[in-house]
């Protein structure tokens, strides 16, 4: 299945070491201990300064997209440490808050918008238990209990605390578990809250929701808002993408739309379980994110 597609929370499997994932979970428990506040666990999964510096080539490329487009859909593989590191490095870049007014995320329930505003916009200091209804009342709460998602919410609050109230970035809940058609709800919410208002926004969803063809909201809304949405995310099969593009150790943001690469068959690089899928890379994304030779790790939900 496509990462983040309806009814699928875990995302397209990548070449990830299960031993590495288990080891990270073990380290978190042993180092932090069960009695430490859950927000401290979220702090442990933040990217280091070294990692953030390494990701700047990706961050600056994504930031440049807002010079032309209104909405950047940053797709993720649920639970991916690499994807988490990148989005935190992105929002903590000084230029981010100068360019973007709104962030809409899959891992926050629309029913808890008032709580999210109190925390991220007004800067109220909330414990993990007090904040947790934001993600636990969203569809797929068993995924969002990973500390990666709380870490992102706290990162946005952190950048806002350093800004005057009128320049703060608003976080919007982008999921309603009561809606049976999630894809339709997402595109209608992005349209109503962001595109129809002409706002500059970051959207964080499973990569399937960010595809430029039907099923992803960029594909569904592109005809109504031409040239307004830009989508980027990682290969579903990183090893195949590395082989096809001859990629090496360093991170790269690979332009797709408007290039000859848009005509290349997506094939195994973005295999989504569709039989005889004829999609090209241009049908999938405007750019492809390659994190370099850093092996990804899945960060599982913690007991809270």
C-alpha atoms as a PDB file:
ATOM      1  CA  UNK A   1       0.000   0.000   0.000  1.00  0.00           C
ATOM      2  CA  UNK A   2       0.983   3.630  -0.475  1.00  0.00           C
ATOM      3  CA  UNK A   3       2.290   5.356   2.659  1.00  0.00           C
ATOM      4  CA  UNK A   4      -0.613   7.065   4.351  1.00  0.00           C
ATOM      5  CA  UNK A   5      -3.278   5.808   1.936  1.00  0.00           C
ATOM      6  CA  UNK A   6      -6.772   5.347   3.349  1.00  0.00           C
ATOM      7  CA  UNK A   7      -7.031   2.395   5.708  1.00  0.00           C
ATOM      8  CA  UNK A   8      -3.270   1.985   5.945  1.00  0.00           C
ATOM      9  CA  UNK A   9      -1.286   3.601   8.731  1.00  0.00           C
ATOM     10  CA  UNK A  10       2.105   1.971   8.619  1.00  0.00           C
ATOM     11  CA  UNK A  11       3.086   3.190   5.125  1.00  0.00           C
ATOM     12  CA  UNK A  12       5.032   1.486   2.309  1.00  0.00           C
ATOM     13  CA  UNK A  13       7.799  -0.638   3.847  1.00  0.00           C
ATOM     14  CA  UNK A  14      11.278   0.624   3.164  1.00  0.00           C
ATOM     15  CA  UNK A  15      14.614  -1.083   3.572  1.00  0.00           C
ATOM     16  CA  UNK A  16      14.763  -0.488   7.311  1.00  0.00           C
ATOM     17  CA  UNK A  17      16.551  -2.552   9.889  1.00  0.00           C
ATOM     18  CA  UNK A  18      14.118  -3.958  12.413  1.00  0.00           C
ATOM     19  CA  UNK A  19      17.029  -4.545  14.746  1.00  0.00           C
ATOM     20  CA  UNK A  20      17.893  -0.845  14.578  1.00  0.00           C
ATOM     21  CA  UNK A  21      14.302   0.081  15.373  1.00  0.00           C
ATOM     22  CA  UNK A  22      14.203  -2.253  18.344  1.00  0.00           C
ATOM     23  CA  UNK A  23      17.549  -0.954  19.551  1.00  0.00           C
ATOM     24  CA  UNK A  24      16.330   2.646  19.466  1.00  0.00           C
ATOM     25  CA  UNK A  25      13.222   1.751  21.436  1.00  0.00           C
ATOM     26  CA  UNK A  26      15.374  -0.097  23.981  1.00  0.00           C
ATOM     27  CA  UNK A  27      17.730   2.868  24.342  1.00  0.00           C
ATOM     28  CA  UNK A  28      14.816   5.262  24.848  1.00  0.00           C
ATOM     29  CA  UNK A  29      13.386   3.130  27.627  1.00  0.00           C
ATOM     30  CA  UNK A  30      16.721   2.462  29.335  1.00  0.00           C
ATOM     31  CA  UNK A  31      18.080   5.989  29.127  1.00  0.00           C
ATOM     32  CA  UNK A  32      14.872   7.864  29.845  1.00  0.00           C
ATOM     33  CA  UNK A  33      13.182   5.429  32.194  1.00  0.00           C
ATOM     34  CA  UNK A  34       9.483   4.885  32.694  1.00  0.00           C
ATOM     35  CA  UNK A  35       9.075   7.611  35.298  1.00  0.00           C
ATOM     36  CA  UNK A  36      10.298  10.505  33.142  1.00  0.00           C
ATOM     37  CA  UNK A  37       7.713  12.771  31.523  1.00  0.00           C
ATOM     38  CA  UNK A  38       6.654  11.713  28.040  1.00  0.00           C
ATOM     39  CA  UNK A  39       7.681  15.059  26.579  1.00  0.00           C
ATOM     40  CA  UNK A  40      11.250  14.211  27.565  1.00  0.00           C
ATOM     41  CA  UNK A  41      10.962  11.122  25.368  1.00  0.00           C
ATOM     42  CA  UNK A  42       9.829  13.381  22.516  1.00  0.00           C
ATOM     43  CA  UNK A  43      12.932  15.506  23.113  1.00  0.00           C
ATOM     44  CA  UNK A  44      15.129  12.409  22.749  1.00  0.00           C
ATOM     45  CA  UNK A  45      13.941  11.844  19.169  1.00  0.00           C
ATOM     46  CA  UNK A  46      14.733  15.367  17.990  1.00  0.00           C
ATOM     47  CA  UNK A  47      17.452  15.654  15.320  1.00  0.00           C
ATOM     48  CA  UNK A  48      20.898  16.597  16.556  1.00  0.00           C
ATOM     49  CA  UNK A  49      22.542  19.812  15.377  1.00  0.00           C
ATOM     50  CA  UNK A  50      24.801  17.689  13.176  1.00  0.00           C
ATOM     51  CA  UNK A  51      21.821  16.001  11.507  1.00  0.00           C
ATOM     52  CA  UNK A  52      20.072  19.340  10.996  1.00  0.00           C
ATOM     53  CA  UNK A  53      23.190  20.773   9.371  1.00  0.00           C
ATOM     54  CA  UNK A  54      23.404  17.776   7.019  1.00  0.00           C
ATOM     55  CA  UNK A  55      19.775  18.266   5.980  1.00  0.00           C
ATOM     56  CA  UNK A  56      20.134  21.939   5.030  1.00  0.00           C
ATOM     57  CA  UNK A  57      20.444  21.141   1.321  1.00  0.00           C
ATOM     58  CA  UNK A  58      16.959  19.622   1.516  1.00  0.00           C
ATOM     59  CA  UNK A  59      15.602  22.352   3.779  1.00  0.00           C
ATOM     60  CA  UNK A  60      16.711  25.211   1.518  1.00  0.00           C
ATOM     61  CA  UNK A  61      15.282  23.467  -1.539  1.00  0.00           C
ATOM     62  CA  UNK A  62      11.905  22.993   0.128  1.00  0.00           C
ATOM     63  CA  UNK A  63      11.867  26.570   1.433  1.00  0.00           C
ATOM     64  CA  UNK A  64      12.421  27.818  -2.114  1.00  0.00           C
ATOM     65  CA  UNK A  65       9.184  26.124  -3.214  1.00  0.00           C
ATOM     66  CA  UNK A  66       7.127  28.718  -1.303  1.00  0.00           C
ATOM     67  CA  UNK A  67       8.542  31.442  -3.558  1.00  0.00           C
ATOM     68  CA  UNK A  68       6.339  29.990  -6.309  1.00  0.00           C
ATOM     69  CA  UNK A  69       3.700  27.779  -4.650  1.00  0.00           C
ATOM     70  CA  UNK A  70       1.208  28.295  -1.830  1.00  0.00           C
ATOM     71  CA  UNK A  71       1.091  24.798  -0.355  1.00  0.00           C
ATOM     72  CA  UNK A  72       3.950  22.349   0.111  1.00  0.00           C
ATOM     73  CA  UNK A  73       2.759  18.806   0.760  1.00  0.00           C
ATOM     74  CA  UNK A  74       5.601  17.098   2.619  1.00  0.00           C
ATOM     75  CA  UNK A  75       4.785  13.398   2.509  1.00  0.00           C
ATOM     76  CA  UNK A  76       6.012  11.004   5.156  1.00  0.00           C
ATOM     77  CA  UNK A  77       6.390   7.311   5.844  1.00  0.00           C
ATOM     78  CA  UNK A  78       4.626   6.939   9.187  1.00  0.00           C
ATOM     79  CA  UNK A  79       7.096   6.455  12.026  1.00  0.00           C
ATOM     80  CA  UNK A  80      10.139   7.366   9.914  1.00  0.00           C
ATOM     81  CA  UNK A  81      12.920   9.032  11.903  1.00  0.00           C
ATOM     82  CA  UNK A  82      14.437  10.473   8.719  1.00  0.00           C
ATOM     83  CA  UNK A  83      11.178  12.152   7.749  1.00  0.00           C
ATOM     84  CA  UNK A  84      10.718  13.466  11.291  1.00  0.00           C
ATOM     85  CA  UNK A  85      14.234  14.917  11.363  1.00  0.00           C
ATOM     86  CA  UNK A  86      13.649  16.727   8.078  1.00  0.00           C
ATOM     87  CA  UNK A  87      10.351  18.365   9.024  1.00  0.00           C
ATOM     88  CA  UNK A  88      11.752  19.572  12.355  1.00  0.00           C
ATOM     89  CA  UNK A  89      14.859  20.943  10.611  1.00  0.00           C
ATOM     90  CA  UNK A  90      12.539  22.650   8.118  1.00  0.00           C
ATOM     91  CA  UNK A  91      10.261  24.435  10.593  1.00  0.00           C
ATOM     92  CA  UNK A  92      13.198  25.469  12.776  1.00  0.00           C
ATOM     93  CA  UNK A  93      14.973  27.203   9.896  1.00  0.00           C
ATOM     94  CA  UNK A  94      14.744  31.011  10.406  1.00  0.00           C
ATOM     95  CA  UNK A  95      13.172  31.521   6.980  1.00  0.00           C
ATOM     96  CA  UNK A  96      10.304  29.118   7.594  1.00  0.00           C
ATOM     97  CA  UNK A  97       8.193  31.422   9.758  1.00  0.00           C
ATOM     98  CA  UNK A  98       8.908  34.297   7.364  1.00  0.00           C
ATOM     99  CA  UNK A  99       7.312  32.356   4.498  1.00  0.00           C
ATOM    100  CA  UNK A 100       4.636  30.129   6.015  1.00  0.00           C
ATOM    101  CA  UNK A 101       1.493  31.050   7.938  1.00  0.00           C
ATOM    102  CA  UNK A 102      -0.155  27.670   8.528  1.00  0.00           C
ATOM    103  CA  UNK A 103       0.819  24.026   9.077  1.00  0.00           C
ATOM    104  CA  UNK A 104      -1.867  21.353   8.644  1.00  0.00           C
ATOM    105  CA  UNK A 105      -1.032  17.881   9.931  1.00  0.00           C
ATOM    106  CA  UNK A 106      -2.613  14.445   9.637  1.00  0.00           C
ATOM    107  CA  UNK A 107      -1.783  13.608  13.250  1.00  0.00           C
ATOM    108  CA  UNK A 108      -4.101  16.155  14.874  1.00  0.00           C
ATOM    109  CA  UNK A 109      -7.879  15.983  15.207  1.00  0.00           C
ATOM    110  CA  UNK A 110     -10.003  18.887  14.030  1.00  0.00           C
ATOM    111  CA  UNK A 111     -12.140  18.422  17.146  1.00  0.00           C
ATOM    112  CA  UNK A 112      -9.136  19.475  19.269  1.00  0.00           C
ATOM    113  CA  UNK A 113      -8.275  22.675  17.422  1.00  0.00           C
ATOM    114  CA  UNK A 114      -8.861  24.852  20.480  1.00  0.00           C
ATOM    115  CA  UNK A 115      -6.381  22.765  22.481  1.00  0.00           C
ATOM    116  CA  UNK A 116      -3.862  22.898  19.645  1.00  0.00           C
ATOM    117  CA  UNK A 117      -4.202  26.694  19.446  1.00  0.00           C
ATOM    118  CA  UNK A 118      -3.696  27.069  23.180  1.00  0.00           C
ATOM    119  CA  UNK A 119      -0.488  25.061  22.953  1.00  0.00           C
ATOM    120  CA  UNK A 120       1.160  26.027  19.661  1.00  0.00           C
ATOM    121  CA  UNK A 121      -0.258  29.489  18.986  1.00  0.00           C
ATOM    122  CA  UNK A 122      -0.739  30.956  22.453  1.00  0.00           C
ATOM    123  CA  UNK A 123       2.257  29.103  23.900  1.00  0.00           C
ATOM    124  CA  UNK A 124       0.584  27.448  26.882  1.00  0.00           C
ATOM    125  CA  UNK A 125       2.921  24.935  28.516  1.00  0.00           C
ATOM    126  CA  UNK A 126       1.080  21.596  28.426  1.00  0.00           C
ATOM    127  CA  UNK A 127       2.212  18.193  29.631  1.00  0.00           C
ATOM    128  CA  UNK A 128       2.027  15.197  27.299  1.00  0.00           C
ATOM    129  CA  UNK A 129      -1.139  13.823  28.942  1.00  0.00           C
ATOM    130  CA  UNK A 130      -2.825  17.218  28.589  1.00  0.00           C
ATOM    131  CA  UNK A 131      -1.768  17.551  24.938  1.00  0.00           C
ATOM    132  CA  UNK A 132      -2.313  13.933  23.879  1.00  0.00           C
ATOM    133  CA  UNK A 133      -6.018  14.255  22.904  1.00  0.00           C
ATOM    134  CA  UNK A 134      -4.772  16.222  19.886  1.00  0.00           C
ATOM    135  CA  UNK A 135      -3.311  13.084  18.299  1.00  0.00           C
ATOM    136  CA  UNK A 136      -5.200  10.379  20.180  1.00  0.00           C
ATOM    137  CA  UNK A 137      -8.524  11.582  18.821  1.00  0.00           C
ATOM    138  CA  UNK A 138      -7.249  11.556  15.239  1.00  0.00           C
ATOM    139  CA  UNK A 139      -7.657   8.606  12.880  1.00  0.00           C
ATOM    140  CA  UNK A 140      -4.720   6.240  13.398  1.00  0.00           C
ATOM    141  CA  UNK A 141      -3.959   7.197  16.985  1.00  0.00           C
ATOM    142  CA  UNK A 142      -1.941   4.002  17.410  1.00  0.00           C
ATOM    143  CA  UNK A 143       0.560   5.475  14.926  1.00  0.00           C
ATOM    144  CA  UNK A 144       0.584   9.036  16.268  1.00  0.00           C
ATOM    145  CA  UNK A 145       1.541   7.844  19.760  1.00  0.00           C
ATOM    146  CA  UNK A 146       5.091   7.646  18.421  1.00  0.00           C
ATOM    147  CA  UNK A 147       7.064  10.447  20.136  1.00  0.00           C
ATOM    148  CA  UNK A 148       8.039  11.753  16.690  1.00  0.00           C
ATOM    149  CA  UNK A 149       4.697  13.507  16.308  1.00  0.00           C
ATOM    150  CA  UNK A 150       4.654  15.145  19.714  1.00  0.00           C
ATOM    151  CA  UNK A 151       8.234  16.265  19.025  1.00  0.00           C
ATOM    152  CA  UNK A 152       7.026  18.096  15.919  1.00  0.00           C
ATOM    153  CA  UNK A 153       4.186  19.833  17.754  1.00  0.00           C
ATOM    154  CA  UNK A 154       6.632  20.974  20.447  1.00  0.00           C
ATOM    155  CA  UNK A 155       9.061  22.193  17.811  1.00  0.00           C
ATOM    156  CA  UNK A 156       6.387  24.429  16.266  1.00  0.00           C
ATOM    157  CA  UNK A 157       5.468  25.793  19.693  1.00  0.00           C
ATOM    158  CA  UNK A 158       9.157  26.489  20.278  1.00  0.00           C
ATOM    159  CA  UNK A 159       9.582  28.596  17.138  1.00  0.00           C
ATOM    160  CA  UNK A 160       6.374  30.478  17.921  1.00  0.00           C
ATOM    161  CA  UNK A 161       7.510  31.413  21.415  1.00  0.00           C
ATOM    162  CA  UNK A 162      10.353  33.375  19.832  1.00  0.00           C
ATOM    163  CA  UNK A 163       7.965  35.336  17.580  1.00  0.00           C
ATOM    164  CA  UNK A 164       5.479  38.156  18.175  1.00  0.00           C
ATOM    165  CA  UNK A 165       1.893  36.869  18.371  1.00  0.00           C
ATOM    166  CA  UNK A 166       0.964  38.287  14.951  1.00  0.00           C
ATOM    167  CA  UNK A 167       3.827  36.433  13.224  1.00  0.00           C
ATOM    168  CA  UNK A 168       3.263  33.018  14.760  1.00  0.00           C
ATOM    169  CA  UNK A 169       2.548  29.973  12.597  1.00  0.00           C
ATOM    170  CA  UNK A 170      -0.807  28.337  13.221  1.00  0.00           C
ATOM    171  CA  UNK A 171      -1.043  24.547  13.515  1.00  0.00           C
ATOM    172  CA  UNK A 172      -4.248  23.050  12.141  1.00  0.00           C
ATOM    173  CA  UNK A 173      -5.671  19.637  12.832  1.00  0.00           C
ATOM    174  CA  UNK A 174      -6.014  17.893   9.494  1.00  0.00           C
ATOM    175  CA  UNK A 175      -7.950  14.759  10.338  1.00  0.00           C
ATOM    176  CA  UNK A 176     -11.491  13.840  11.388  1.00  0.00           C
ATOM    177  CA  UNK A 177     -11.939  10.186  12.405  1.00  0.00           C
ATOM    178  CA  UNK A 178     -15.692  10.589  11.999  1.00  0.00           C
ATOM    179  CA  UNK A 179     -15.334  11.089   8.250  1.00  0.00           C
ATOM    180  CA  UNK A 180     -15.535   7.770   6.345  1.00  0.00           C
ATOM    181  CA  UNK A 181     -13.851   9.163   3.216  1.00  0.00           C
ATOM    182  CA  UNK A 182     -10.530  10.444   4.518  1.00  0.00           C
ATOM    183  CA  UNK A 183      -9.163  11.464   1.126  1.00  0.00           C
ATOM    184  CA  UNK A 184     -12.175  13.658   0.420  1.00  0.00           C
ATOM    185  CA  UNK A 185     -12.060  15.197   3.882  1.00  0.00           C
ATOM    186  CA  UNK A 186      -8.356  16.050   3.560  1.00  0.00           C
ATOM    187  CA  UNK A 187      -8.687  17.762   0.188  1.00  0.00           C
ATOM    188  CA  UNK A 188     -11.796  19.671   1.294  1.00  0.00           C
ATOM    189  CA  UNK A 189     -10.056  20.809   4.483  1.00  0.00           C
ATOM    190  CA  UNK A 190      -6.921  21.935   2.621  1.00  0.00           C
ATOM    191  CA  UNK A 191      -9.137  23.784   0.143  1.00  0.00           C
ATOM    192  CA  UNK A 192     -11.354  25.429   2.780  1.00  0.00           C
ATOM    193  CA  UNK A 193      -8.695  26.321   5.339  1.00  0.00           C
ATOM    194  CA  UNK A 194      -5.772  27.203   3.090  1.00  0.00           C
ATOM    195  CA  UNK A 195      -6.072  27.349  -0.700  1.00  0.00           C
ATOM    196  CA  UNK A 196      -9.338  29.303  -0.823  1.00  0.00           C
ATOM    197  CA  UNK A 197      -7.780  31.869   1.521  1.00  0.00           C
ATOM    198  CA  UNK A 198      -4.532  32.213  -0.419  1.00  0.00           C
ATOM    199  CA  UNK A 199      -2.382  31.235   2.560  1.00  0.00           C
ATOM    200  CA  UNK A 200       1.150  29.864   2.457  1.00  0.00           C
ATOM    201  CA  UNK A 201       1.102  26.495   4.173  1.00  0.00           C
ATOM    202  CA  UNK A 202       2.947  23.287   4.943  1.00  0.00           C
ATOM    203  CA  UNK A 203       0.873  20.090   4.833  1.00  0.00           C
ATOM    204  CA  UNK A 204       2.256  16.976   6.540  1.00  0.00           C
ATOM    205  CA  UNK A 205       0.507  13.762   5.521  1.00  0.00           C
ATOM    206  CA  UNK A 206       1.331  10.207   4.595  1.00  0.00           C
ATOM    207  CA  UNK A 207       2.983  10.245   1.177  1.00  0.00           C
ATOM    208  CA  UNK A 208      -0.034   8.664  -0.525  1.00  0.00           C
ATOM    209  CA  UNK A 209      -2.086  11.725   0.350  1.00  0.00           C
ATOM    210  CA  UNK A 210       0.578  13.929  -1.298  1.00  0.00           C
ATOM    211  CA  UNK A 211       0.717  12.221  -4.694  1.00  0.00           C
ATOM    212  CA  UNK A 212       0.170  14.388  -7.756  1.00  0.00           C
ATOM    213  CA  UNK A 213      -2.335  11.945  -9.247  1.00  0.00           C
ATOM    214  CA  UNK A 214      -5.867  11.120  -8.170  1.00  0.00           C
ATOM    215  CA  UNK A 215      -6.013   9.953  -4.578  1.00  0.00           C
ATOM    216  CA  UNK A 216      -3.536  12.537  -3.346  1.00  0.00           C
ATOM    217  CA  UNK A 217      -4.907  15.987  -2.628  1.00  0.00           C
ATOM    218  CA  UNK A 218      -2.388  17.697  -4.988  1.00  0.00           C
ATOM    219  CA  UNK A 219      -3.746  15.501  -7.768  1.00  0.00           C
ATOM    220  CA  UNK A 220      -7.372  16.101  -6.808  1.00  0.00           C
ATOM    221  CA  UNK A 221      -7.062  19.876  -6.314  1.00  0.00           C
ATOM    222  CA  UNK A 222      -4.471  20.684  -8.970  1.00  0.00           C
ATOM    223  CA  UNK A 223      -7.066  21.417 -11.652  1.00  0.00           C
ATOM    224  CA  UNK A 224      -8.873  23.931  -9.435  1.00  0.00           C
ATOM    225  CA  UNK A 225      -5.652  25.500  -8.157  1.00  0.00           C
ATOM    226  CA  UNK A 226      -3.086  25.169 -10.960  1.00  0.00           C
ATOM    227  CA  UNK A 227       0.448  26.020  -9.932  1.00  0.00           C
ATOM    228  CA  UNK A 228      -0.471  26.383  -6.261  1.00  0.00           C
ATOM    229  CA  UNK A 229       0.593  23.014  -4.775  1.00  0.00           C
ATOM    230  CA  UNK A 230       4.032  21.389  -4.681  1.00  0.00           C
ATOM    231  CA  UNK A 231       4.548  17.852  -3.378  1.00  0.00           C
ATOM    232  CA  UNK A 232       7.753  16.171  -2.240  1.00  0.00           C
ATOM    233  CA  UNK A 233       8.552  12.953  -0.391  1.00  0.00           C
ATOM    234  CA  UNK A 234      10.930  10.021  -0.367  1.00  0.00           C
ATOM    235  CA  UNK A 235      11.102   6.980  -2.591  1.00  0.00           C
ATOM    236  CA  UNK A 236       8.815   4.177  -1.444  1.00  0.00           C
ATOM    237  CA  UNK A 237      11.714   1.842  -2.272  1.00  0.00           C
ATOM    238  CA  UNK A 238      14.861   3.776  -1.387  1.00  0.00           C
ATOM    239  CA  UNK A 239      17.294   1.147  -2.658  1.00  0.00           C
ATOM    240  CA  UNK A 240      15.631   1.131  -6.072  1.00  0.00           C
ATOM    241  CA  UNK A 241      15.649   4.925  -6.220  1.00  0.00           C
ATOM    242  CA  UNK A 242      19.314   4.984  -5.269  1.00  0.00           C
ATOM    243  CA  UNK A 243      20.096   2.480  -8.041  1.00  0.00           C
ATOM    244  CA  UNK A 244      18.085   4.212 -10.766  1.00  0.00           C
ATOM    245  CA  UNK A 245      19.393   7.710 -10.006  1.00  0.00           C
ATOM    246  CA  UNK A 246      22.924   6.671  -9.057  1.00  0.00           C
ATOM    247  CA  UNK A 247      22.658   8.368  -5.676  1.00  0.00           C
ATOM    248  CA  UNK A 248      25.448   8.398  -3.124  1.00  0.00           C
ATOM    249  CA  UNK A 249      26.077   9.419   0.462  1.00  0.00           C
ATOM    250  CA  UNK A 250      24.772  12.987   0.474  1.00  0.00           C
ATOM    251  CA  UNK A 251      21.130  14.112   0.740  1.00  0.00           C
ATOM    252  CA  UNK A 252      19.537  15.396  -2.457  1.00  0.00           C
ATOM    253  CA  UNK A 253      16.311  17.059  -3.500  1.00  0.00           C
ATOM    254  CA  UNK A 254      15.608  15.723  -6.999  1.00  0.00           C
ATOM    255  CA  UNK A 255      13.432  17.986  -9.198  1.00  0.00           C
ATOM    256  CA  UNK A 256      10.794  16.070 -11.159  1.00  0.00           C
ATOM    257  CA  UNK A 257       8.063  18.368 -12.491  1.00  0.00           C
ATOM    258  CA  UNK A 258       9.198  20.378 -15.503  1.00  0.00           C
ATOM    259  CA  UNK A 259      12.142  18.053 -16.168  1.00  0.00           C
ATOM    260  CA  UNK A 260      12.729  15.036 -18.384  1.00  0.00           C
ATOM    261  CA  UNK A 261      12.593  12.892 -15.245  1.00  0.00           C
ATOM    262  CA  UNK A 262       8.830  13.489 -15.110  1.00  0.00           C
ATOM    263  CA  UNK A 263       8.441  11.051 -18.034  1.00  0.00           C
ATOM    264  CA  UNK A 264      10.372   8.248 -16.341  1.00  0.00           C
ATOM    265  CA  UNK A 265       8.203   5.286 -15.221  1.00  0.00           C
ATOM    266  CA  UNK A 266       7.746   5.271 -11.450  1.00  0.00           C
ATOM    267  CA  UNK A 267       8.024   1.481 -11.405  1.00  0.00           C
ATOM    268  CA  UNK A 268       9.412  -0.127  -8.285  1.00  0.00           C
ATOM    269  CA  UNK A 269      10.631   3.219  -6.930  1.00  0.00           C
ATOM    270  CA  UNK A 270       7.023   4.118  -6.107  1.00  0.00           C
ATOM    271  CA  UNK A 271       5.251   0.798  -6.297  1.00  0.00           C
ATOM    272  CA  UNK A 272       1.903   1.191  -4.568  1.00  0.00           C
ATOM    273  CA  UNK A 273       0.356  -2.220  -5.032  1.00  0.00           C
ATOM    274  CA  UNK A 274      -1.486  -1.254  -8.223  1.00  0.00           C
ATOM    275  CA  UNK A 275      -1.309  -4.000 -10.841  1.00  0.00           C
ATOM    276  CA  UNK A 276       0.239  -2.816 -14.130  1.00  0.00           C
ATOM    277  CA  UNK A 277       0.609   0.711 -12.789  1.00  0.00           C
ATOM    278  CA  UNK A 278       1.718   2.976 -15.645  1.00  0.00           C
ATOM    279  CA  UNK A 279       2.435   6.017 -13.477  1.00  0.00           C
ATOM    280  CA  UNK A 280       5.391   8.215 -14.305  1.00  0.00           C
ATOM    281  CA  UNK A 281       7.423  10.119 -11.746  1.00  0.00           C
ATOM    282  CA  UNK A 282       5.549  13.251 -12.804  1.00  0.00           C
ATOM    283  CA  UNK A 283       2.316  11.568 -11.703  1.00  0.00           C
ATOM    284  CA  UNK A 284       3.788  10.968  -8.258  1.00  0.00           C
ATOM    285  CA  UNK A 285       5.658  14.039  -7.026  1.00  0.00           C
ATOM    286  CA  UNK A 286       7.092  17.408  -7.975  1.00  0.00           C
ATOM    287  CA  UNK A 287      10.362  16.509  -6.266  1.00  0.00           C
ATOM    288  CA  UNK A 288      11.853  13.453  -4.582  1.00  0.00           C
ATOM    289  CA  UNK A 289      13.554  13.640  -1.221  1.00  0.00           C
ATOM    290  CA  UNK A 290      16.667  11.514  -0.760  1.00  0.00           C
ATOM    291  CA  UNK A 291      18.041  11.518   2.770  1.00  0.00           C
ATOM    292  CA  UNK A 292      21.444  10.194   1.773  1.00  0.00           C
ATOM    293  CA  UNK A 293      23.008   6.988   2.999  1.00  0.00           C
ATOM    294  CA  UNK A 294      21.552   7.342   6.515  1.00  0.00           C
ATOM    295  CA  UNK A 295      19.609   4.187   7.292  1.00  0.00           C
ATOM    296  CA  UNK A 296      16.101   4.993   8.371  1.00  0.00           C
ATOM    297  CA  UNK A 297      14.631   3.855  11.677  1.00  0.00           C
ATOM    298  CA  UNK A 298      11.025   3.326  12.638  1.00  0.00           C
ATOM    299  CA  UNK A 299      10.230   4.896  15.996  1.00  0.00           C
ATOM    300  CA  UNK A 300       7.381   2.995  17.553  1.00  0.00           C
ATOM    301  CA  UNK A 301       4.790   4.404  19.930  1.00  0.00           C
ATOM    302  CA  UNK A 302       5.890   4.588  23.547  1.00  0.00           C
ATOM    303  CA  UNK A 303       3.899   3.588  26.596  1.00  0.00           C
ATOM    304  CA  UNK A 304       2.512   6.788  28.066  1.00  0.00           C
END
